[in-house]
Amino acid sequence: MAVPGWRFPTEVITMAQEALQLLVSMHRIVRHLRRNRTTTAMHPTQFLALMLIADEQPIRIGEIASRVPCSQPTATTTVAGLEEAGLVRREPDPVDGRATAVVLTDAGAETVEASGRQAADELAKLLSRLDDADRKLVLEAGAVLARVTDDL
């Protein structure tokens, strides 16, 4: 139940507005990268899963589902598509041989490297529009955002 006359403090409203602007800006950057094919022609969920597999391999499908994030069936379908494309393979989990882990193939590693290089080149073009101080600020913010998203 709302309390008459109560309002969010100005700093909370300002932070929410700034967070929304950050979200919009990040979305525009991702859209720009997709439009320029820097994340390959694969579905975004496949791309995120492939990058996660590259970082965390060997990794179980359940962990992929929780970290992408997506549902378990979506993770299974995503891995199946990547496997069909020859980018990943399943093998017995080294910790629990009853379970299956997913690892990159050589083609998957090449795709990750090429996509990363293309995305980095395209981001460098965007950042080159900024002066040195703003570019440094954006790169520092990127490191902070990486820490924030590590546990997502």
N, C-alpha and C. Protein backbone atom coordinates (compact mmCIF):
# COMPACT_ATOMS: atom_id res chain seq x y z
N MET A 1 0.84 -1.17 0.00
CA MET A 1 0.00 0.00 0.00
C MET A 1 0.89 1.24 0.00
N ALA A 2 0.60 2.16 -0.87
CA ALA A 2 1.38 3.39 -1.00
C ALA A 2 1.13 4.30 0.18
N VAL A 3 2.19 4.97 0.60
CA VAL A 3 2.09 5.95 1.68
C VAL A 3 1.87 7.31 1.04
N PRO A 4 0.78 8.01 1.39
CA PRO A 4 0.51 9.31 0.78
C PRO A 4 1.67 10.27 0.98
N GLY A 5 2.05 10.95 -0.10
CA GLY A 5 3.10 11.95 -0.02
C GLY A 5 4.52 11.40 -0.07
N TRP A 6 4.67 10.06 -0.02
CA TRP A 6 6.02 9.48 -0.05
C TRP A 6 6.52 9.42 -1.48
N ARG A 7 7.78 9.76 -1.68
CA ARG A 7 8.41 9.69 -3.00
C ARG A 7 9.80 9.08 -2.85
N PHE A 8 10.26 8.47 -3.94
CA PHE A 8 11.63 7.98 -3.95
C PHE A 8 12.57 9.17 -3.82
N PRO A 9 13.65 9.01 -3.07
CA PRO A 9 14.64 10.09 -3.00
C PRO A 9 15.19 10.41 -4.39
N THR A 10 15.54 11.66 -4.60
CA THR A 10 16.03 12.12 -5.90
C THR A 10 17.22 11.30 -6.38
N GLU A 11 18.14 10.94 -5.46
CA GLU A 11 19.32 10.18 -5.89
C GLU A 11 18.95 8.79 -6.39
N VAL A 12 17.88 8.19 -5.84
CA VAL A 12 17.43 6.88 -6.31
C VAL A 12 16.84 7.03 -7.71
N ILE A 13 16.06 8.06 -7.93
CA ILE A 13 15.47 8.30 -9.25
C ILE A 13 16.57 8.57 -10.27
N THR A 14 17.55 9.39 -9.90
CA THR A 14 18.65 9.70 -10.80
C THR A 14 19.44 8.45 -11.15
N MET A 15 19.73 7.60 -10.16
CA MET A 15 20.47 6.37 -10.41
C MET A 15 19.67 5.46 -11.34
N ALA A 16 18.37 5.37 -11.14
CA ALA A 16 17.53 4.54 -12.01
C ALA A 16 17.55 5.07 -13.44
N GLN A 17 17.48 6.38 -13.59
CA GLN A 17 17.52 6.98 -14.93
C GLN A 17 18.87 6.73 -15.60
N GLU A 18 19.95 6.86 -14.84
CA GLU A 18 21.28 6.62 -15.39
C GLU A 18 21.46 5.14 -15.75
N ALA A 19 20.92 4.26 -14.92
CA ALA A 19 20.99 2.83 -15.21
C ALA A 19 20.22 2.49 -16.48
N LEU A 20 19.08 3.11 -16.65
CA LEU A 20 18.29 2.90 -17.87
C LEU A 20 19.06 3.39 -19.09
N GLN A 21 19.71 4.54 -18.98
CA GLN A 21 20.50 5.05 -20.10
C GLN A 21 21.66 4.11 -20.41
N LEU A 22 22.29 3.55 -19.38
CA LEU A 22 23.37 2.58 -19.58
C LEU A 22 22.85 1.36 -20.32
N LEU A 23 21.69 0.87 -19.91
CA LEU A 23 21.07 -0.29 -20.56
C LEU A 23 20.80 -0.01 -22.03
N VAL A 24 20.25 1.15 -22.32
CA VAL A 24 19.96 1.53 -23.71
C VAL A 24 21.26 1.61 -24.51
N SER A 25 22.28 2.22 -23.94
CA SER A 25 23.56 2.35 -24.64
C SER A 25 24.20 0.99 -24.91
N MET A 26 24.17 0.10 -23.92
CA MET A 26 24.74 -1.23 -24.12
C MET A 26 23.96 -1.99 -25.19
N HIS A 27 22.64 -1.85 -25.18
CA HIS A 27 21.82 -2.51 -26.20
C HIS A 27 22.19 -1.99 -27.59
N ARG A 28 22.38 -0.69 -27.71
CA ARG A 28 22.75 -0.11 -29.02
C ARG A 28 24.11 -0.63 -29.49
N ILE A 29 25.05 -0.77 -28.57
CA ILE A 29 26.36 -1.30 -28.95
C ILE A 29 26.23 -2.74 -29.43
N VAL A 30 25.49 -3.56 -28.69
CA VAL A 30 25.30 -4.95 -29.09
C VAL A 30 24.60 -5.02 -30.45
N ARG A 31 23.59 -4.20 -30.64
CA ARG A 31 22.87 -4.18 -31.92
C ARG A 31 23.83 -3.77 -33.05
N HIS A 32 24.68 -2.79 -32.79
CA HIS A 32 25.67 -2.36 -33.79
C HIS A 32 26.62 -3.50 -34.13
N LEU A 33 27.09 -4.22 -33.12
CA LEU A 33 28.00 -5.34 -33.37
C LEU A 33 27.32 -6.43 -34.17
N ARG A 34 26.06 -6.73 -33.85
CA ARG A 34 25.32 -7.74 -34.61
C ARG A 34 25.14 -7.30 -36.06
N ARG A 35 24.79 -6.04 -36.23
CA ARG A 35 24.56 -5.52 -37.58
C ARG A 35 25.83 -5.61 -38.42
N ASN A 36 26.97 -5.47 -37.77
CA ASN A 36 28.25 -5.54 -38.46
C ASN A 36 28.85 -6.95 -38.43
N ARG A 37 28.03 -7.91 -38.07
CA ARG A 37 28.37 -9.33 -38.09
C ARG A 37 29.61 -9.67 -37.26
N THR A 38 29.85 -8.92 -36.21
CA THR A 38 31.02 -9.22 -35.40
C THR A 38 30.78 -10.38 -34.45
N THR A 39 29.54 -10.77 -34.27
CA THR A 39 29.27 -11.92 -33.42
C THR A 39 28.84 -13.11 -34.26
N THR A 40 29.23 -13.13 -35.50
CA THR A 40 28.91 -14.18 -36.46
C THR A 40 27.41 -14.21 -36.73
N ALA A 41 27.02 -15.12 -37.58
CA ALA A 41 25.61 -15.23 -37.96
C ALA A 41 24.82 -16.09 -36.98
N MET A 42 25.47 -16.63 -35.96
CA MET A 42 24.74 -17.51 -35.05
C MET A 42 23.81 -16.72 -34.13
N HIS A 43 22.86 -17.43 -33.57
CA HIS A 43 21.89 -16.84 -32.64
C HIS A 43 22.65 -16.30 -31.43
N PRO A 44 22.20 -15.19 -30.85
CA PRO A 44 22.90 -14.62 -29.69
C PRO A 44 23.09 -15.61 -28.54
N THR A 45 22.11 -16.47 -28.29
CA THR A 45 22.26 -17.46 -27.21
C THR A 45 23.38 -18.43 -27.54
N GLN A 46 23.47 -18.83 -28.81
CA GLN A 46 24.57 -19.71 -29.21
C GLN A 46 25.91 -19.02 -29.03
N PHE A 47 25.97 -17.76 -29.41
CA PHE A 47 27.22 -17.02 -29.28
C PHE A 47 27.63 -16.90 -27.81
N LEU A 48 26.67 -16.53 -26.94
CA LEU A 48 26.98 -16.43 -25.51
C LEU A 48 27.43 -17.77 -24.95
N ALA A 49 26.75 -18.84 -25.34
CA ALA A 49 27.12 -20.18 -24.87
C ALA A 49 28.52 -20.54 -25.35
N LEU A 50 28.81 -20.25 -26.61
CA LEU A 50 30.12 -20.58 -27.16
C LEU A 50 31.23 -19.83 -26.41
N MET A 51 31.01 -18.55 -26.13
CA MET A 51 32.00 -17.77 -25.39
C MET A 51 32.17 -18.32 -23.97
N LEU A 52 31.07 -18.71 -23.33
CA LEU A 52 31.13 -19.29 -21.99
C LEU A 52 31.89 -20.61 -22.01
N ILE A 53 31.59 -21.46 -22.98
CA ILE A 53 32.28 -22.74 -23.10
C ILE A 53 33.78 -22.51 -23.27
N ALA A 54 34.14 -21.53 -24.08
CA ALA A 54 35.56 -21.22 -24.29
C ALA A 54 36.24 -20.83 -22.98
N ASP A 55 35.54 -20.07 -22.15
CA ASP A 55 36.12 -19.60 -20.88
C ASP A 55 36.13 -20.67 -19.79
N GLU A 56 35.13 -21.54 -19.79
CA GLU A 56 34.93 -22.43 -18.64
C GLU A 56 35.11 -23.91 -18.93
N GLN A 57 35.47 -24.28 -20.15
CA GLN A 57 35.49 -25.69 -20.52
C GLN A 57 36.44 -26.51 -19.66
N PRO A 58 36.08 -27.76 -19.38
CA PRO A 58 34.82 -28.41 -19.73
C PRO A 58 33.70 -27.91 -18.83
N ILE A 59 32.51 -27.83 -19.38
CA ILE A 59 31.37 -27.29 -18.64
C ILE A 59 30.13 -28.12 -18.94
N ARG A 60 29.33 -28.34 -17.92
CA ARG A 60 28.08 -29.10 -18.09
C ARG A 60 26.97 -28.22 -18.64
N ILE A 61 26.01 -28.85 -19.27
CA ILE A 61 24.90 -28.10 -19.87
C ILE A 61 24.11 -27.35 -18.81
N GLY A 62 23.93 -27.93 -17.64
CA GLY A 62 23.21 -27.24 -16.57
C GLY A 62 23.89 -25.94 -16.17
N GLU A 63 25.22 -25.97 -16.15
CA GLU A 63 25.98 -24.76 -15.83
C GLU A 63 25.85 -23.73 -16.96
N ILE A 64 25.83 -24.20 -18.19
CA ILE A 64 25.61 -23.29 -19.33
C ILE A 64 24.26 -22.61 -19.17
N ALA A 65 23.23 -23.40 -18.84
CA ALA A 65 21.88 -22.84 -18.66
C ALA A 65 21.86 -21.76 -17.59
N SER A 66 22.53 -22.00 -16.48
CA SER A 66 22.48 -21.02 -15.39
C SER A 66 23.33 -19.80 -15.67
N ARG A 67 24.38 -19.94 -16.47
CA ARG A 67 25.29 -18.82 -16.69
C ARG A 67 24.95 -17.98 -17.92
N VAL A 68 24.22 -18.54 -18.92
CA VAL A 68 23.95 -17.76 -20.14
C VAL A 68 23.06 -16.57 -19.87
N PRO A 69 22.02 -16.56 -19.13
CA PRO A 69 21.17 -17.63 -18.62
C PRO A 69 20.06 -17.98 -19.62
N CYS A 70 19.63 -19.24 -19.51
CA CYS A 70 18.50 -19.72 -20.31
C CYS A 70 17.98 -20.98 -19.62
N SER A 71 16.89 -21.53 -20.15
CA SER A 71 16.35 -22.75 -19.55
C SER A 71 17.24 -23.93 -19.92
N GLN A 72 17.10 -25.01 -19.16
CA GLN A 72 17.87 -26.23 -19.45
C GLN A 72 17.56 -26.75 -20.86
N PRO A 73 16.28 -26.82 -21.27
CA PRO A 73 16.00 -27.27 -22.65
C PRO A 73 16.63 -26.37 -23.71
N THR A 74 16.62 -25.05 -23.46
CA THR A 74 17.25 -24.13 -24.42
C THR A 74 18.75 -24.36 -24.48
N ALA A 75 19.37 -24.59 -23.34
CA ALA A 75 20.82 -24.87 -23.32
C ALA A 75 21.12 -26.16 -24.08
N THR A 76 20.29 -27.17 -23.89
CA THR A 76 20.48 -28.44 -24.59
C THR A 76 20.36 -28.24 -26.10
N THR A 77 19.33 -27.51 -26.53
CA THR A 77 19.14 -27.23 -27.96
C THR A 77 20.28 -26.38 -28.50
N THR A 78 20.72 -25.41 -27.73
CA THR A 78 21.82 -24.54 -28.13
C THR A 78 23.10 -25.34 -28.34
N VAL A 79 23.43 -26.19 -27.38
CA VAL A 79 24.63 -27.02 -27.49
C VAL A 79 24.50 -27.98 -28.67
N ALA A 80 23.31 -28.52 -28.89
CA ALA A 80 23.10 -29.42 -30.04
C ALA A 80 23.38 -28.69 -31.35
N GLY A 81 22.93 -27.44 -31.45
CA GLY A 81 23.19 -26.65 -32.66
C GLY A 81 24.68 -26.37 -32.84
N LEU A 82 25.35 -26.04 -31.75
CA LEU A 82 26.80 -25.80 -31.81
C LEU A 82 27.55 -27.08 -32.16
N GLU A 83 27.05 -28.19 -31.63
CA GLU A 83 27.68 -29.48 -31.93
C GLU A 83 27.48 -29.85 -33.40
N GLU A 84 26.28 -29.63 -33.90
CA GLU A 84 25.98 -29.90 -35.31
C GLU A 84 26.85 -29.04 -36.24
N ALA A 85 27.13 -27.82 -35.80
CA ALA A 85 27.99 -26.92 -36.59
C ALA A 85 29.47 -27.26 -36.45
N GLY A 86 29.79 -28.23 -35.59
CA GLY A 86 31.17 -28.64 -35.42
C GLY A 86 31.99 -27.74 -34.52
N LEU A 87 31.30 -26.91 -33.71
CA LEU A 87 32.00 -25.94 -32.87
C LEU A 87 32.30 -26.46 -31.47
N VAL A 88 31.50 -27.44 -31.00
CA VAL A 88 31.71 -28.05 -29.69
C VAL A 88 31.53 -29.55 -29.80
N ARG A 89 31.97 -30.25 -28.78
CA ARG A 89 31.70 -31.69 -28.68
C ARG A 89 31.41 -32.01 -27.22
N ARG A 90 30.71 -33.09 -27.03
CA ARG A 90 30.42 -33.57 -25.67
C ARG A 90 31.39 -34.70 -25.36
N GLU A 91 31.78 -34.75 -24.11
CA GLU A 91 32.66 -35.82 -23.66
C GLU A 91 32.37 -36.09 -22.19
N PRO A 92 32.82 -37.23 -21.68
CA PRO A 92 32.56 -37.52 -20.26
C PRO A 92 33.15 -36.42 -19.37
N ASP A 93 32.38 -36.05 -18.35
CA ASP A 93 32.85 -35.04 -17.40
C ASP A 93 34.06 -35.59 -16.67
N PRO A 94 35.17 -34.85 -16.60
CA PRO A 94 36.36 -35.37 -15.93
C PRO A 94 36.18 -35.58 -14.43
N VAL A 95 35.21 -34.88 -13.83
CA VAL A 95 34.96 -35.01 -12.39
C VAL A 95 33.99 -36.16 -12.12
N ASP A 96 32.96 -36.28 -12.94
CA ASP A 96 31.93 -37.30 -12.78
C ASP A 96 31.69 -37.94 -14.14
N GLY A 97 32.28 -39.10 -14.35
CA GLY A 97 32.21 -39.78 -15.64
C GLY A 97 30.80 -40.13 -16.09
N ARG A 98 29.82 -40.09 -15.17
CA ARG A 98 28.43 -40.37 -15.55
C ARG A 98 27.82 -39.17 -16.26
N ALA A 99 28.37 -38.00 -16.02
CA ALA A 99 27.84 -36.75 -16.60
C ALA A 99 28.59 -36.43 -17.89
N THR A 100 28.01 -35.50 -18.64
CA THR A 100 28.61 -35.07 -19.90
C THR A 100 29.05 -33.62 -19.78
N ALA A 101 30.22 -33.34 -20.31
CA ALA A 101 30.73 -31.97 -20.35
C ALA A 101 30.85 -31.54 -21.81
N VAL A 102 30.85 -30.23 -22.01
CA VAL A 102 30.96 -29.66 -23.35
C VAL A 102 32.30 -28.94 -23.46
N VAL A 103 32.99 -29.16 -24.57
CA VAL A 103 34.27 -28.50 -24.84
C VAL A 103 34.28 -27.98 -26.28
N LEU A 104 35.13 -27.02 -26.54
CA LEU A 104 35.28 -26.48 -27.89
C LEU A 104 36.04 -27.47 -28.78
N THR A 105 35.69 -27.48 -30.04
CA THR A 105 36.51 -28.15 -31.04
C THR A 105 37.52 -27.12 -31.56
N ASP A 106 38.41 -27.55 -32.43
CA ASP A 106 39.34 -26.59 -33.04
C ASP A 106 38.58 -25.53 -33.82
N ALA A 107 37.53 -25.95 -34.53
CA ALA A 107 36.71 -24.99 -35.29
C ALA A 107 36.02 -24.01 -34.34
N GLY A 108 35.57 -24.49 -33.18
CA GLY A 108 34.95 -23.62 -32.19
C GLY A 108 35.93 -22.59 -31.65
N ALA A 109 37.16 -23.05 -31.38
CA ALA A 109 38.20 -22.13 -30.89
C ALA A 109 38.52 -21.07 -31.94
N GLU A 110 38.57 -21.47 -33.20
CA GLU A 110 38.82 -20.51 -34.28
C GLU A 110 37.68 -19.50 -34.39
N THR A 111 36.44 -19.97 -34.23
CA THR A 111 35.28 -19.08 -34.29
C THR A 111 35.31 -18.07 -33.15
N VAL A 112 35.63 -18.54 -31.95
CA VAL A 112 35.72 -17.65 -30.79
C VAL A 112 36.80 -16.60 -31.02
N GLU A 113 37.95 -17.04 -31.51
CA GLU A 113 39.06 -16.10 -31.75
C GLU A 113 38.68 -15.07 -32.82
N ALA A 114 38.12 -15.53 -33.93
CA ALA A 114 37.75 -14.62 -35.02
C ALA A 114 36.66 -13.65 -34.58
N SER A 115 35.65 -14.16 -33.88
CA SER A 115 34.56 -13.30 -33.42
C SER A 115 35.05 -12.28 -32.41
N GLY A 116 35.92 -12.72 -31.51
CA GLY A 116 36.48 -11.80 -30.53
C GLY A 116 37.31 -10.70 -31.18
N ARG A 117 38.10 -11.09 -32.16
CA ARG A 117 38.92 -10.12 -32.88
C ARG A 117 38.04 -9.11 -33.63
N GLN A 118 37.00 -9.61 -34.31
CA GLN A 118 36.09 -8.72 -35.05
C GLN A 118 35.37 -7.76 -34.10
N ALA A 119 34.88 -8.30 -32.99
CA ALA A 119 34.17 -7.45 -32.03
C ALA A 119 35.12 -6.41 -31.43
N ALA A 120 36.34 -6.83 -31.10
CA ALA A 120 37.32 -5.89 -30.53
C ALA A 120 37.65 -4.79 -31.53
N ASP A 121 37.82 -5.16 -32.80
CA ASP A 121 38.12 -4.15 -33.83
C ASP A 121 36.97 -3.16 -33.97
N GLU A 122 35.74 -3.67 -33.96
CA GLU A 122 34.58 -2.79 -34.12
C GLU A 122 34.41 -1.89 -32.89
N LEU A 123 34.64 -2.44 -31.70
CA LEU A 123 34.57 -1.61 -30.49
C LEU A 123 35.67 -0.56 -30.48
N ALA A 124 36.85 -0.93 -30.96
CA ALA A 124 37.94 0.05 -31.04
C ALA A 124 37.56 1.21 -31.94
N LYS A 125 36.86 0.92 -33.03
CA LYS A 125 36.38 2.00 -33.92
C LYS A 125 35.42 2.92 -33.18
N LEU A 126 34.50 2.32 -32.40
CA LEU A 126 33.56 3.15 -31.63
C LEU A 126 34.30 4.00 -30.60
N LEU A 127 35.24 3.38 -29.90
CA LEU A 127 35.98 4.10 -28.85
C LEU A 127 36.89 5.17 -29.42
N SER A 128 37.31 5.01 -30.67
CA SER A 128 38.20 6.01 -31.27
C SER A 128 37.49 7.35 -31.46
N ARG A 129 36.17 7.36 -31.37
CA ARG A 129 35.40 8.60 -31.47
C ARG A 129 35.52 9.44 -30.20
N LEU A 130 36.00 8.83 -29.13
CA LEU A 130 36.08 9.51 -27.83
C LEU A 130 37.45 10.13 -27.64
N ASP A 131 37.50 11.15 -26.77
CA ASP A 131 38.82 11.67 -26.41
C ASP A 131 39.47 10.70 -25.42
N ASP A 132 40.74 10.89 -25.15
CA ASP A 132 41.50 9.95 -24.31
C ASP A 132 40.87 9.75 -22.94
N ALA A 133 40.43 10.83 -22.32
CA ALA A 133 39.86 10.74 -20.96
C ALA A 133 38.57 9.92 -20.97
N ASP A 134 37.69 10.17 -21.93
CA ASP A 134 36.44 9.41 -21.99
C ASP A 134 36.70 7.95 -22.34
N ARG A 135 37.64 7.70 -23.23
CA ARG A 135 37.97 6.32 -23.61
C ARG A 135 38.48 5.56 -22.39
N LYS A 136 39.35 6.20 -21.60
CA LYS A 136 39.87 5.57 -20.38
C LYS A 136 38.73 5.28 -19.41
N LEU A 137 37.82 6.22 -19.28
CA LEU A 137 36.67 6.06 -18.38
C LEU A 137 35.80 4.87 -18.81
N VAL A 138 35.53 4.76 -20.10
CA VAL A 138 34.72 3.65 -20.62
C VAL A 138 35.42 2.32 -20.36
N LEU A 139 36.71 2.25 -20.62
CA LEU A 139 37.45 1.00 -20.41
C LEU A 139 37.50 0.62 -18.93
N GLU A 140 37.65 1.60 -18.05
CA GLU A 140 37.61 1.32 -16.61
C GLU A 140 36.23 0.84 -16.20
N ALA A 141 35.19 1.46 -16.76
CA ALA A 141 33.82 1.03 -16.46
C ALA A 141 33.59 -0.40 -16.94
N GLY A 142 34.21 -0.75 -18.06
CA GLY A 142 34.10 -2.12 -18.57
C GLY A 142 34.64 -3.13 -17.57
N ALA A 143 35.75 -2.81 -16.93
CA ALA A 143 36.33 -3.70 -15.92
C ALA A 143 35.40 -3.84 -14.72
N VAL A 144 34.78 -2.74 -14.32
CA VAL A 144 33.83 -2.77 -13.21
C VAL A 144 32.61 -3.61 -13.59
N LEU A 145 32.08 -3.40 -14.79
CA LEU A 145 30.92 -4.18 -15.24
C LEU A 145 31.25 -5.67 -15.32
N ALA A 146 32.46 -6.00 -15.71
CA ALA A 146 32.86 -7.41 -15.76
C ALA A 146 32.80 -8.03 -14.36
N ARG A 147 33.24 -7.29 -13.35
CA ARG A 147 33.16 -7.80 -11.97
C ARG A 147 31.71 -7.97 -11.54
N VAL A 148 30.86 -7.01 -11.91
CA VAL A 148 29.45 -7.07 -11.53
C VAL A 148 28.76 -8.26 -12.17
N THR A 149 29.13 -8.56 -13.42
CA THR A 149 28.43 -9.62 -14.15
C THR A 149 29.05 -10.99 -13.98
N ASP A 150 30.20 -11.09 -13.34
CA ASP A 150 30.85 -12.39 -13.16
C ASP A 150 29.94 -13.41 -12.49
N ASP A 151 29.11 -12.98 -11.58
CA ASP A 151 28.26 -13.91 -10.83
C ASP A 151 26.87 -14.07 -11.41
N LEU A 152 26.60 -13.46 -12.55
CA LEU A 152 25.26 -13.57 -13.14
C LEU A 152 25.10 -14.87 -13.89
